[in-house]
Amino acid sequence: MKAALALVNLKGIEHLRPMQISYGMQKRVSLARTVAIGPDILLFDEPTTGLDPVTTSAVNQLIQNLSRTLKTTSIVVSHDINCALTIADRIIVLDQGQIVDQGTPTELKKSKAPLVQDFLSE
């Protein structure tokens, strides 16, 4: 578990209780528990919800680093288009379960789909 905590930048906190660490740290401990079992795919559901901008940026960087370090696929569900544009290699935009558009961040920035344009303008 110490190695998994180090991967999420929490080396040396094994002795702390959940109430002694911040919400952002709790999210990273949860991620360390997942990483410890060596999954082929990491799933993230709104990983930055409720976090301040600095912590959001750190979590986004962490997701990218883990994917590359562990050579795993990460699937991130997010309503935060800036998060998606920052960390994704490919993005699929859904509306009511239907694919509206998909592509690389660069391709989606050129999308003509109204929903994608609405997200991009936020």
C-alpha atoms as a PDB file:
ATOM      1  CA  MET A   1       0.000   0.000   0.000  1.00  0.00           C
ATOM      2  CA  LYS A   2       2.930   2.354   0.615  1.00  0.00           C
ATOM      3  CA  ALA A   3       3.887   2.172  -3.071  1.00  0.00           C
ATOM      4  CA  ALA A   4       0.311   2.946  -4.127  1.00  0.00           C
ATOM      5  CA  LEU A   5       0.203   5.944  -1.771  1.00  0.00           C
ATOM      6  CA  ALA A   6       3.481   7.186  -3.240  1.00  0.00           C
ATOM      7  CA  LEU A   7       1.988   6.959  -6.755  1.00  0.00           C
ATOM      8  CA  VAL A   8      -0.757   9.384  -5.712  1.00  0.00           C
ATOM      9  CA  ASN A   9       1.684  11.730  -3.939  1.00  0.00           C
ATOM     10  CA  LEU A  10       0.709  10.698  -0.402  1.00  0.00           C
ATOM     11  CA  LYS A  11       3.908   9.066   0.794  1.00  0.00           C
ATOM     12  CA  GLY A  12       4.117   8.811   4.588  1.00  0.00           C
ATOM     13  CA  ILE A  13       0.463   9.275   5.565  1.00  0.00           C
ATOM     14  CA  GLU A  14      -0.306   5.610   6.347  1.00  0.00           C
ATOM     15  CA  HIS A  15      -0.683   6.374  10.052  1.00  0.00           C
ATOM     16  CA  LEU A  16      -3.331   9.087   9.594  1.00  0.00           C
ATOM     17  CA  ARG A  17      -7.062   8.487   9.992  1.00  0.00           C
ATOM     18  CA  PRO A  18      -9.545   9.653   7.316  1.00  0.00           C
ATOM     19  CA  MET A  19     -10.781  12.529   9.483  1.00  0.00           C
ATOM     20  CA  GLN A  20      -7.205  13.818   9.743  1.00  0.00           C
ATOM     21  CA  ILE A  21      -6.749  14.375   6.014  1.00  0.00           C
ATOM     22  CA  SER A  22      -8.375  16.749   3.556  1.00  0.00           C
ATOM     23  CA  TYR A  23     -11.159  15.813   1.161  1.00  0.00           C
ATOM     24  CA  GLY A  24      -8.722  15.943  -1.754  1.00  0.00           C
ATOM     25  CA  MET A  25      -6.341  13.616   0.081  1.00  0.00           C
ATOM     26  CA  GLN A  26      -9.230  11.245   0.817  1.00  0.00           C
ATOM     27  CA  LYS A  27      -9.948  11.072  -2.921  1.00  0.00           C
ATOM     28  CA  ARG A  28      -6.306  10.215  -3.581  1.00  0.00           C
ATOM     29  CA  VAL A  29      -6.324   7.516  -0.870  1.00  0.00           C
ATOM     30  CA  SER A  30      -9.348   6.001  -2.600  1.00  0.00           C
ATOM     31  CA  LEU A  31      -7.436   6.072  -5.871  1.00  0.00           C
ATOM     32  CA  ALA A  32      -4.399   4.452  -4.197  1.00  0.00           C
ATOM     33  CA  ARG A  33      -6.626   1.602  -2.985  1.00  0.00           C
ATOM     34  CA  THR A  34      -7.750   1.033  -6.569  1.00  0.00           C
ATOM     35  CA  VAL A  35      -4.251   1.281  -8.034  1.00  0.00           C
ATOM     36  CA  ALA A  36      -2.928  -1.199  -5.459  1.00  0.00           C
ATOM     37  CA  ILE A  37      -4.804  -4.091  -7.113  1.00  0.00           C
ATOM     38  CA  GLY A  38      -3.261  -3.378 -10.534  1.00  0.00           C
ATOM     39  CA  PRO A  39      -6.299  -2.780 -12.752  1.00  0.00           C
ATOM     40  CA  ASP A  40      -6.042  -2.656 -16.552  1.00  0.00           C
ATOM     41  CA  ILE A  41      -8.583   0.178 -16.714  1.00  0.00           C
ATOM     42  CA  LEU A  42      -9.184   3.021 -14.264  1.00  0.00           C
ATOM     43  CA  LEU A  43     -12.696   4.515 -14.151  1.00  0.00           C
ATOM     44  CA  PHE A  44     -13.227   8.016 -12.780  1.00  0.00           C
ATOM     45  CA  ASP A  45     -16.701   9.454 -12.229  1.00  0.00           C
ATOM     46  CA  GLU A  46     -16.533  13.231 -11.802  1.00  0.00           C
ATOM     47  CA  PRO A  47     -13.124  13.030 -10.063  1.00  0.00           C
ATOM     48  CA  THR A  48     -12.818  16.779  -9.473  1.00  0.00           C
ATOM     49  CA  THR A  49     -16.336  17.561  -8.242  1.00  0.00           C
ATOM     50  CA  GLY A  50     -16.240  19.712  -5.125  1.00  0.00           C
ATOM     51  CA  LEU A  51     -12.531  20.474  -5.372  1.00  0.00           C
ATOM     52  CA  ASP A  52     -10.909  23.899  -5.522  1.00  0.00           C
ATOM     53  CA  PRO A  53      -9.105  24.889  -8.759  1.00  0.00           C
ATOM     54  CA  VAL A  54      -5.616  24.090  -7.442  1.00  0.00           C
ATOM     55  CA  THR A  55      -6.630  20.622  -6.263  1.00  0.00           C
ATOM     56  CA  THR A  56      -8.594  20.059  -9.482  1.00  0.00           C
ATOM     57  CA  SER A  57      -5.462  20.743 -11.489  1.00  0.00           C
ATOM     58  CA  ALA A  58      -3.462  18.374  -9.271  1.00  0.00           C
ATOM     59  CA  VAL A  59      -6.038  15.585  -9.668  1.00  0.00           C
ATOM     60  CA  ASN A  60      -6.091  16.055 -13.457  1.00  0.00           C
ATOM     61  CA  GLN A  61      -2.290  15.813 -13.545  1.00  0.00           C
ATOM     62  CA  LEU A  62      -2.430  12.767 -11.285  1.00  0.00           C
ATOM     63  CA  ILE A  63      -4.850  10.969 -13.637  1.00  0.00           C
ATOM     64  CA  GLN A  64      -2.550  11.663 -16.578  1.00  0.00           C
ATOM     65  CA  ASN A  65       0.547  10.539 -14.683  1.00  0.00           C
ATOM     66  CA  LEU A  66      -1.071   7.337 -13.426  1.00  0.00           C
ATOM     67  CA  SER A  67      -2.256   6.365 -16.899  1.00  0.00           C
ATOM     68  CA  ARG A  68       1.211   6.823 -18.312  1.00  0.00           C
ATOM     69  CA  THR A  69       3.161   5.348 -15.379  1.00  0.00           C
ATOM     70  CA  LEU A  70       0.929   2.284 -14.994  1.00  0.00           C
ATOM     71  CA  LYS A  71       0.297   1.982 -18.754  1.00  0.00           C
ATOM     72  CA  THR A  72      -3.452   1.755 -18.146  1.00  0.00           C
ATOM     73  CA  THR A  73      -6.472   3.170 -19.873  1.00  0.00           C
ATOM     74  CA  SER A  74      -8.355   5.785 -17.874  1.00  0.00           C
ATOM     75  CA  ILE A  75     -11.999   6.530 -18.573  1.00  0.00           C
ATOM     76  CA  VAL A  76     -13.133   9.803 -17.040  1.00  0.00           C
ATOM     77  CA  VAL A  77     -16.781  10.864 -16.857  1.00  0.00           C
ATOM     78  CA  SER A  78     -16.992  14.620 -16.410  1.00  0.00           C
ATOM     79  CA  HIS A  79     -19.271  17.575 -17.013  1.00  0.00           C
ATOM     80  CA  ASP A  80     -16.189  19.788 -16.797  1.00  0.00           C
ATOM     81  CA  ILE A  81     -15.134  20.390 -20.403  1.00  0.00           C
ATOM     82  CA  ASN A  82     -11.875  22.041 -19.307  1.00  0.00           C
ATOM     83  CA  CYS A  83     -10.991  18.893 -17.347  1.00  0.00           C
ATOM     84  CA  ALA A  84     -11.757  16.745 -20.382  1.00  0.00           C
ATOM     85  CA  LEU A  85      -9.776  18.953 -22.747  1.00  0.00           C
ATOM     86  CA  THR A  86      -6.826  18.917 -20.349  1.00  0.00           C
ATOM     87  CA  ILE A  87      -6.485  15.204 -19.634  1.00  0.00           C
ATOM     88  CA  ALA A  88      -8.124  13.351 -22.515  1.00  0.00           C
ATOM     89  CA  ASP A  89      -6.563  11.773 -25.567  1.00  0.00           C
ATOM     90  CA  ARG A  90     -10.084  11.191 -26.916  1.00  0.00           C
ATOM     91  CA  ILE A  91     -13.438  12.629 -25.843  1.00  0.00           C
ATOM     92  CA  ILE A  92     -16.950  11.323 -26.433  1.00  0.00           C
ATOM     93  CA  VAL A  93     -19.761  13.831 -25.883  1.00  0.00           C
ATOM     94  CA  LEU A  94     -23.061  12.190 -24.918  1.00  0.00           C
ATOM     95  CA  ASP A  95     -26.578  13.567 -24.722  1.00  0.00           C
ATOM     96  CA  GLN A  96     -29.356  11.347 -23.372  1.00  0.00           C
ATOM     97  CA  GLY A  97     -27.213   8.263 -23.995  1.00  0.00           C
ATOM     98  CA  GLN A  98     -26.483   9.138 -27.618  1.00  0.00           C
ATOM     99  CA  ILE A  99     -23.083  10.106 -29.020  1.00  0.00           C
ATOM    100  CA  VAL A 100     -23.208  13.724 -30.196  1.00  0.00           C
ATOM    101  CA  ASP A 101     -19.568  13.964 -31.253  1.00  0.00           C
ATOM    102  CA  GLN A 102     -16.210  12.386 -30.548  1.00  0.00           C
ATOM    103  CA  GLY A 103     -12.566  12.941 -31.268  1.00  0.00           C
ATOM    104  CA  THR A 104      -9.358  14.377 -29.909  1.00  0.00           C
ATOM    105  CA  PRO A 105      -9.534  17.608 -27.921  1.00  0.00           C
ATOM    106  CA  THR A 106      -8.291  19.476 -31.001  1.00  0.00           C
ATOM    107  CA  GLU A 107     -10.984  17.895 -33.178  1.00  0.00           C
ATOM    108  CA  LEU A 108     -13.747  18.685 -30.678  1.00  0.00           C
ATOM    109  CA  LYS A 109     -12.679  22.315 -30.483  1.00  0.00           C
ATOM    110  CA  LYS A 110     -13.609  22.479 -34.186  1.00  0.00           C
ATOM    111  CA  SER A 111     -16.932  20.663 -33.723  1.00  0.00           C
ATOM    112  CA  LYS A 112     -20.051  22.114 -35.306  1.00  0.00           C
ATOM    113  CA  ALA A 113     -22.387  20.248 -32.921  1.00  0.00           C
ATOM    114  CA  PRO A 114     -24.423  22.817 -30.923  1.00  0.00           C
ATOM    115  CA  LEU A 115     -24.101  20.892 -27.647  1.00  0.00           C
ATOM    116  CA  VAL A 116     -20.321  20.697 -28.001  1.00  0.00           C
ATOM    117  CA  GLN A 117     -20.177  24.408 -28.825  1.00  0.00           C
ATOM    118  CA  ASP A 118     -22.288  25.139 -25.705  1.00  0.00           C
ATOM    119  CA  PHE A 119     -19.864  23.170 -23.540  1.00  0.00           C
ATOM    120  CA  LEU A 120     -16.855  24.844 -25.092  1.00  0.00           C
ATOM    121  CA  SER A 121     -18.294  28.297 -24.454  1.00  0.00           C
ATOM    122  CA  GLU A 122     -18.629  27.670 -20.695  1.00  0.00           C
END
